[in-house]
Amino acid sequence: MAVPTTPVLSAEDSGEADPAARLFAKWGLVVRAGTVVDLRVAPGWQDKARLGWGGTGTPASTVTVHACAPESGQGQWMAFVGGTWVAQAACVPLIVTSNGQNDSVTLGIGLPCDKTTEP
């Protein structure tokens, strides 16, 4: 799986009624074909941030993305349109689970993350 390495993702008014989804930062999620990836906002952030990709409808604090197995001639990676919603500009910690392994990712939504401190 690949996430943006940009220090700051631009956040715009989302128009969502949910206070935790007031701003939206659009970014693509790239997943190896044939893989299932679970993404969730870190504990303590469930009321401050939401996620969504691939037309999931309602932004949620946890999202599962299924990248279908490639067919003959298809690429080994699949891209999903979506992003992160936040209550306000923040350095948002995410937990990514795939193939039984957990990884942490921090995204600067509307502001840069200070790499010397925890969000």
N, C-alpha and C. Protein backbone atom coordinates (compact mmCIF):
# COMPACT_ATOMS: atom_id res chain seq x y z
N MET A 1 0.83 -1.16 0.00
CA MET A 1 0.00 0.00 0.00
C MET A 1 0.88 1.23 0.00
N ALA A 2 0.41 2.29 -0.63
CA ALA A 2 1.14 3.54 -0.66
C ALA A 2 0.22 4.69 -0.29
N VAL A 3 0.75 5.60 0.53
CA VAL A 3 0.03 6.81 0.94
C VAL A 3 0.87 8.02 0.54
N PRO A 4 0.28 9.20 0.52
CA PRO A 4 1.03 10.39 0.10
C PRO A 4 2.22 10.67 1.01
N THR A 5 3.28 11.21 0.42
CA THR A 5 4.44 11.63 1.19
C THR A 5 4.52 13.15 1.26
N THR A 6 3.52 13.82 0.70
CA THR A 6 3.45 15.28 0.74
C THR A 6 3.37 15.75 2.20
N PRO A 7 4.15 16.77 2.58
CA PRO A 7 4.11 17.22 3.98
C PRO A 7 2.76 17.76 4.41
N VAL A 8 2.02 18.37 3.46
CA VAL A 8 0.70 18.92 3.79
C VAL A 8 -0.27 18.59 2.67
N LEU A 9 -1.39 17.98 3.04
CA LEU A 9 -2.47 17.75 2.08
C LEU A 9 -3.47 18.89 2.24
N SER A 10 -3.84 19.53 1.15
CA SER A 10 -4.77 20.65 1.18
C SER A 10 -6.14 20.18 1.67
N ALA A 11 -6.74 20.94 2.58
CA ALA A 11 -8.06 20.60 3.12
C ALA A 11 -9.05 21.70 2.77
N GLU A 12 -10.20 21.30 2.25
CA GLU A 12 -11.25 22.22 1.85
C GLU A 12 -12.54 21.90 2.60
N ASP A 13 -13.44 22.86 2.67
CA ASP A 13 -14.75 22.63 3.30
C ASP A 13 -15.44 21.46 2.60
N SER A 14 -15.90 20.48 3.38
CA SER A 14 -16.48 19.27 2.80
C SER A 14 -17.98 19.36 2.55
N GLY A 15 -18.65 20.22 3.28
CA GLY A 15 -20.11 20.28 3.17
C GLY A 15 -20.81 19.19 3.95
N GLU A 16 -20.06 18.35 4.67
CA GLU A 16 -20.63 17.26 5.47
C GLU A 16 -21.25 17.82 6.76
N ALA A 17 -22.33 17.20 7.22
CA ALA A 17 -22.98 17.59 8.47
C ALA A 17 -22.22 17.09 9.70
N ASP A 18 -21.50 15.99 9.56
CA ASP A 18 -20.73 15.41 10.66
C ASP A 18 -19.62 16.39 11.07
N PRO A 19 -19.59 16.84 12.36
CA PRO A 19 -18.55 17.78 12.79
C PRO A 19 -17.13 17.22 12.64
N ALA A 20 -16.96 15.90 12.69
CA ALA A 20 -15.64 15.29 12.53
C ALA A 20 -15.21 15.26 11.07
N ALA A 21 -16.09 15.68 10.16
CA ALA A 21 -15.80 15.62 8.73
C ALA A 21 -15.96 16.99 8.07
N ARG A 22 -15.69 18.06 8.81
CA ARG A 22 -15.89 19.43 8.32
C ARG A 22 -14.98 19.78 7.14
N LEU A 23 -13.72 19.30 7.17
CA LEU A 23 -12.76 19.56 6.10
C LEU A 23 -12.40 18.26 5.40
N PHE A 24 -12.08 18.34 4.10
CA PHE A 24 -11.73 17.14 3.35
C PHE A 24 -10.41 17.35 2.60
N ALA A 25 -9.53 16.35 2.70
CA ALA A 25 -8.28 16.31 1.94
C ALA A 25 -8.34 15.11 1.01
N LYS A 26 -8.40 15.38 -0.29
CA LYS A 26 -8.48 14.30 -1.29
C LYS A 26 -7.09 13.74 -1.56
N TRP A 27 -7.01 12.41 -1.53
CA TRP A 27 -5.76 11.74 -1.92
C TRP A 27 -6.08 10.32 -2.33
N GLY A 28 -5.27 9.80 -3.21
CA GLY A 28 -5.48 8.46 -3.71
C GLY A 28 -4.77 7.43 -2.86
N LEU A 29 -5.42 6.32 -2.68
CA LEU A 29 -4.84 5.19 -1.96
C LEU A 29 -4.44 4.15 -3.00
N VAL A 30 -3.20 3.72 -2.97
CA VAL A 30 -2.70 2.75 -3.94
C VAL A 30 -2.43 1.44 -3.19
N VAL A 31 -3.06 0.35 -3.67
CA VAL A 31 -2.99 -0.95 -2.99
C VAL A 31 -2.56 -2.02 -3.99
N ARG A 32 -1.67 -2.89 -3.56
CA ARG A 32 -1.24 -4.00 -4.42
C ARG A 32 -2.46 -4.88 -4.73
N ALA A 33 -2.62 -5.24 -5.99
CA ALA A 33 -3.74 -6.08 -6.42
C ALA A 33 -3.76 -7.38 -5.63
N GLY A 34 -4.95 -7.82 -5.26
CA GLY A 34 -5.12 -9.06 -4.51
C GLY A 34 -4.95 -8.89 -3.01
N THR A 35 -4.83 -7.65 -2.53
CA THR A 35 -4.59 -7.37 -1.12
C THR A 35 -5.82 -6.75 -0.46
N VAL A 36 -6.00 -7.02 0.81
CA VAL A 36 -7.02 -6.37 1.62
C VAL A 36 -6.30 -5.49 2.63
N VAL A 37 -6.71 -4.23 2.73
CA VAL A 37 -6.08 -3.28 3.64
C VAL A 37 -7.16 -2.68 4.55
N ASP A 38 -6.89 -2.68 5.85
CA ASP A 38 -7.76 -2.01 6.81
C ASP A 38 -7.06 -0.73 7.24
N LEU A 39 -7.77 0.38 7.16
CA LEU A 39 -7.25 1.66 7.63
C LEU A 39 -8.18 2.18 8.72
N ARG A 40 -7.59 2.73 9.78
CA ARG A 40 -8.43 3.30 10.83
C ARG A 40 -7.70 4.49 11.45
N VAL A 41 -8.49 5.45 11.91
CA VAL A 41 -7.89 6.56 12.63
C VAL A 41 -7.44 6.01 13.97
N ALA A 42 -6.34 6.53 14.48
CA ALA A 42 -5.76 6.03 15.73
C ALA A 42 -6.71 6.26 16.91
N PRO A 43 -6.57 5.45 17.97
CA PRO A 43 -7.40 5.65 19.16
C PRO A 43 -7.31 7.10 19.64
N GLY A 44 -8.46 7.62 20.04
CA GLY A 44 -8.54 9.01 20.47
C GLY A 44 -8.87 9.99 19.36
N TRP A 45 -8.87 9.51 18.11
CA TRP A 45 -9.16 10.37 16.96
C TRP A 45 -10.50 10.06 16.31
N GLN A 46 -11.26 9.12 16.83
CA GLN A 46 -12.53 8.71 16.20
C GLN A 46 -13.53 9.86 16.09
N ASP A 47 -13.46 10.84 16.99
CA ASP A 47 -14.39 11.97 16.93
C ASP A 47 -13.79 13.18 16.21
N LYS A 48 -12.58 13.02 15.63
CA LYS A 48 -11.90 14.13 14.98
C LYS A 48 -11.58 13.89 13.50
N ALA A 49 -11.64 12.63 13.06
CA ALA A 49 -11.24 12.33 11.67
C ALA A 49 -12.04 11.16 11.11
N ARG A 50 -12.19 11.16 9.79
CA ARG A 50 -12.89 10.10 9.07
C ARG A 50 -12.09 9.75 7.82
N LEU A 51 -12.36 8.57 7.26
CA LEU A 51 -11.68 8.07 6.06
C LEU A 51 -12.70 7.56 5.07
N GLY A 52 -12.30 7.47 3.80
CA GLY A 52 -13.17 6.86 2.81
C GLY A 52 -12.50 6.77 1.45
N TRP A 53 -12.68 5.62 0.77
CA TRP A 53 -12.15 5.40 -0.58
C TRP A 53 -13.09 4.52 -1.36
N GLY A 54 -13.04 4.67 -2.66
CA GLY A 54 -13.76 3.77 -3.55
C GLY A 54 -15.27 3.86 -3.47
N GLY A 55 -15.81 5.05 -3.23
CA GLY A 55 -17.26 5.20 -3.20
C GLY A 55 -17.93 4.52 -2.03
N THR A 56 -17.26 4.52 -0.85
CA THR A 56 -17.83 3.86 0.33
C THR A 56 -19.07 4.57 0.85
N GLY A 57 -19.34 5.78 0.36
CA GLY A 57 -20.52 6.49 0.82
C GLY A 57 -20.22 7.38 2.00
N THR A 58 -20.50 6.90 3.19
CA THR A 58 -20.34 7.69 4.39
C THR A 58 -18.91 7.60 4.92
N PRO A 59 -18.29 8.76 5.21
CA PRO A 59 -16.97 8.73 5.83
C PRO A 59 -17.04 7.99 7.17
N ALA A 60 -16.00 7.20 7.48
CA ALA A 60 -16.01 6.37 8.69
C ALA A 60 -14.63 6.41 9.36
N SER A 61 -14.57 5.98 10.61
CA SER A 61 -13.29 5.96 11.32
C SER A 61 -12.47 4.72 10.96
N THR A 62 -13.11 3.72 10.35
CA THR A 62 -12.43 2.51 9.90
C THR A 62 -12.93 2.16 8.50
N VAL A 63 -12.00 1.82 7.61
CA VAL A 63 -12.35 1.47 6.23
C VAL A 63 -11.54 0.24 5.82
N THR A 64 -12.20 -0.69 5.12
CA THR A 64 -11.52 -1.85 4.55
C THR A 64 -11.55 -1.71 3.04
N VAL A 65 -10.37 -1.83 2.41
CA VAL A 65 -10.26 -1.71 0.96
C VAL A 65 -9.83 -3.07 0.41
N HIS A 66 -10.62 -3.59 -0.53
CA HIS A 66 -10.31 -4.86 -1.19
C HIS A 66 -9.82 -4.56 -2.60
N ALA A 67 -8.56 -4.84 -2.87
CA ALA A 67 -8.01 -4.67 -4.21
C ALA A 67 -8.09 -6.03 -4.90
N CYS A 68 -8.94 -6.13 -5.88
CA CYS A 68 -9.16 -7.39 -6.58
C CYS A 68 -7.86 -7.95 -7.15
N ALA A 69 -7.81 -9.27 -7.27
CA ALA A 69 -6.66 -9.93 -7.89
C ALA A 69 -6.57 -9.48 -9.35
N PRO A 70 -5.37 -9.27 -9.85
CA PRO A 70 -5.23 -8.79 -11.23
C PRO A 70 -5.62 -9.87 -12.24
N GLU A 71 -6.23 -9.40 -13.31
CA GLU A 71 -6.51 -10.30 -14.43
C GLU A 71 -5.39 -10.15 -15.43
N SER A 72 -5.33 -11.03 -16.38
CA SER A 72 -4.28 -11.00 -17.39
C SER A 72 -4.17 -9.61 -18.02
N GLY A 73 -2.96 -9.07 -18.01
CA GLY A 73 -2.72 -7.78 -18.63
C GLY A 73 -2.95 -6.59 -17.73
N GLN A 74 -3.51 -6.80 -16.53
CA GLN A 74 -3.73 -5.68 -15.62
C GLN A 74 -2.49 -5.41 -14.79
N GLY A 75 -2.41 -4.18 -14.28
CA GLY A 75 -1.29 -3.79 -13.43
C GLY A 75 -1.35 -4.48 -12.08
N GLN A 76 -0.25 -4.43 -11.37
CA GLN A 76 -0.14 -5.06 -10.05
C GLN A 76 -0.60 -4.15 -8.93
N TRP A 77 -0.96 -2.90 -9.26
CA TRP A 77 -1.42 -1.95 -8.25
C TRP A 77 -2.76 -1.38 -8.66
N MET A 78 -3.60 -1.09 -7.67
CA MET A 78 -4.90 -0.48 -7.93
C MET A 78 -4.99 0.83 -7.16
N ALA A 79 -5.57 1.85 -7.77
CA ALA A 79 -5.73 3.16 -7.14
C ALA A 79 -7.19 3.38 -6.79
N PHE A 80 -7.43 3.94 -5.61
CA PHE A 80 -8.77 4.24 -5.13
C PHE A 80 -8.85 5.73 -4.82
N VAL A 81 -9.94 6.36 -5.26
CA VAL A 81 -10.16 7.78 -5.01
C VAL A 81 -10.85 7.93 -3.66
N GLY A 82 -10.40 8.89 -2.88
CA GLY A 82 -11.01 9.16 -1.58
C GLY A 82 -10.14 10.12 -0.81
N GLY A 83 -10.09 9.92 0.51
CA GLY A 83 -9.25 10.78 1.32
C GLY A 83 -9.62 10.77 2.79
N THR A 84 -9.29 11.89 3.43
CA THR A 84 -9.46 12.03 4.87
C THR A 84 -10.28 13.27 5.18
N TRP A 85 -11.25 13.12 6.06
CA TRP A 85 -12.04 14.23 6.56
C TRP A 85 -11.57 14.52 7.99
N VAL A 86 -11.56 15.78 8.36
CA VAL A 86 -11.16 16.16 9.71
C VAL A 86 -12.07 17.25 10.25
N ALA A 87 -12.14 17.34 11.58
CA ALA A 87 -12.90 18.40 12.23
C ALA A 87 -12.20 19.74 12.03
N GLN A 88 -10.87 19.73 12.11
CA GLN A 88 -10.06 20.92 11.86
C GLN A 88 -8.70 20.47 11.36
N ALA A 89 -7.94 21.38 10.76
CA ALA A 89 -6.62 21.04 10.24
C ALA A 89 -5.82 20.37 11.36
N ALA A 90 -5.17 19.24 11.03
CA ALA A 90 -4.48 18.47 12.06
C ALA A 90 -3.46 17.52 11.45
N CYS A 91 -2.60 17.02 12.30
CA CYS A 91 -1.66 15.97 11.97
C CYS A 91 -2.35 14.67 12.40
N VAL A 92 -2.88 13.90 11.45
CA VAL A 92 -3.77 12.78 11.75
C VAL A 92 -3.02 11.44 11.73
N PRO A 93 -3.04 10.71 12.85
CA PRO A 93 -2.42 9.39 12.89
C PRO A 93 -3.39 8.31 12.40
N LEU A 94 -2.91 7.49 11.49
CA LEU A 94 -3.69 6.37 10.96
C LEU A 94 -2.98 5.07 11.27
N ILE A 95 -3.75 4.00 11.40
CA ILE A 95 -3.21 2.66 11.57
C ILE A 95 -3.61 1.85 10.35
N VAL A 96 -2.63 1.24 9.71
CA VAL A 96 -2.84 0.46 8.49
C VAL A 96 -2.53 -1.00 8.81
N THR A 97 -3.47 -1.90 8.48
CA THR A 97 -3.27 -3.32 8.71
C THR A 97 -3.41 -4.05 7.37
N SER A 98 -2.38 -4.84 7.04
CA SER A 98 -2.40 -5.64 5.82
C SER A 98 -1.48 -6.84 6.02
N ASN A 99 -1.92 -7.98 5.55
CA ASN A 99 -1.14 -9.22 5.68
C ASN A 99 -0.71 -9.48 7.12
N GLY A 100 -1.58 -9.15 8.07
CA GLY A 100 -1.30 -9.42 9.48
C GLY A 100 -0.33 -8.46 10.14
N GLN A 101 0.07 -7.42 9.43
CA GLN A 101 1.01 -6.45 9.99
C GLN A 101 0.37 -5.09 10.15
N ASN A 102 0.68 -4.42 11.26
CA ASN A 102 0.20 -3.06 11.52
C ASN A 102 1.33 -2.07 11.27
N ASP A 103 0.98 -0.95 10.66
CA ASP A 103 1.91 0.16 10.47
C ASP A 103 1.18 1.44 10.84
N SER A 104 1.94 2.42 11.28
CA SER A 104 1.39 3.74 11.59
C SER A 104 1.80 4.72 10.50
N VAL A 105 0.88 5.59 10.14
CA VAL A 105 1.10 6.64 9.15
C VAL A 105 0.53 7.92 9.74
N THR A 106 1.25 9.01 9.57
CA THR A 106 0.75 10.30 10.03
C THR A 106 0.64 11.22 8.82
N LEU A 107 -0.53 11.83 8.64
CA LEU A 107 -0.77 12.72 7.50
C LEU A 107 -1.04 14.13 7.99
N GLY A 108 -0.40 15.09 7.37
CA GLY A 108 -0.67 16.50 7.65
C GLY A 108 -1.85 16.94 6.81
N ILE A 109 -2.99 17.11 7.46
CA ILE A 109 -4.21 17.53 6.76
C ILE A 109 -4.41 19.02 7.05
N GLY A 110 -4.08 19.86 6.06
CA GLY A 110 -4.23 21.29 6.20
C GLY A 110 -3.10 21.98 6.94
N LEU A 111 -2.17 21.20 7.52
CA LEU A 111 -0.99 21.75 8.17
C LEU A 111 0.08 20.68 8.24
N PRO A 112 1.36 21.11 8.32
CA PRO A 112 2.43 20.11 8.36
C PRO A 112 2.53 19.45 9.73
N CYS A 113 3.03 18.22 9.74
CA CYS A 113 3.28 17.52 11.00
C CYS A 113 4.69 17.85 11.47
N ASP A 114 4.83 18.10 12.75
CA ASP A 114 6.16 18.30 13.33
C ASP A 114 6.71 16.92 13.62
N LYS A 115 7.73 16.52 12.91
CA LYS A 115 8.28 15.18 13.02
C LYS A 115 8.95 14.91 14.37
N THR A 116 9.13 15.95 15.20
CA THR A 116 9.80 15.76 16.49
C THR A 116 8.84 15.49 17.63
N THR A 117 7.53 15.65 17.38
CA THR A 117 6.54 15.43 18.44
C THR A 117 5.45 14.50 17.95
N GLU A 118 4.77 13.88 18.89
CA GLU A 118 3.62 13.04 18.55
C GLU A 118 2.43 13.91 18.25
N PRO A 119 1.52 13.48 17.37
CA PRO A 119 0.32 14.28 17.05
C PRO A 119 -0.63 14.34 18.23
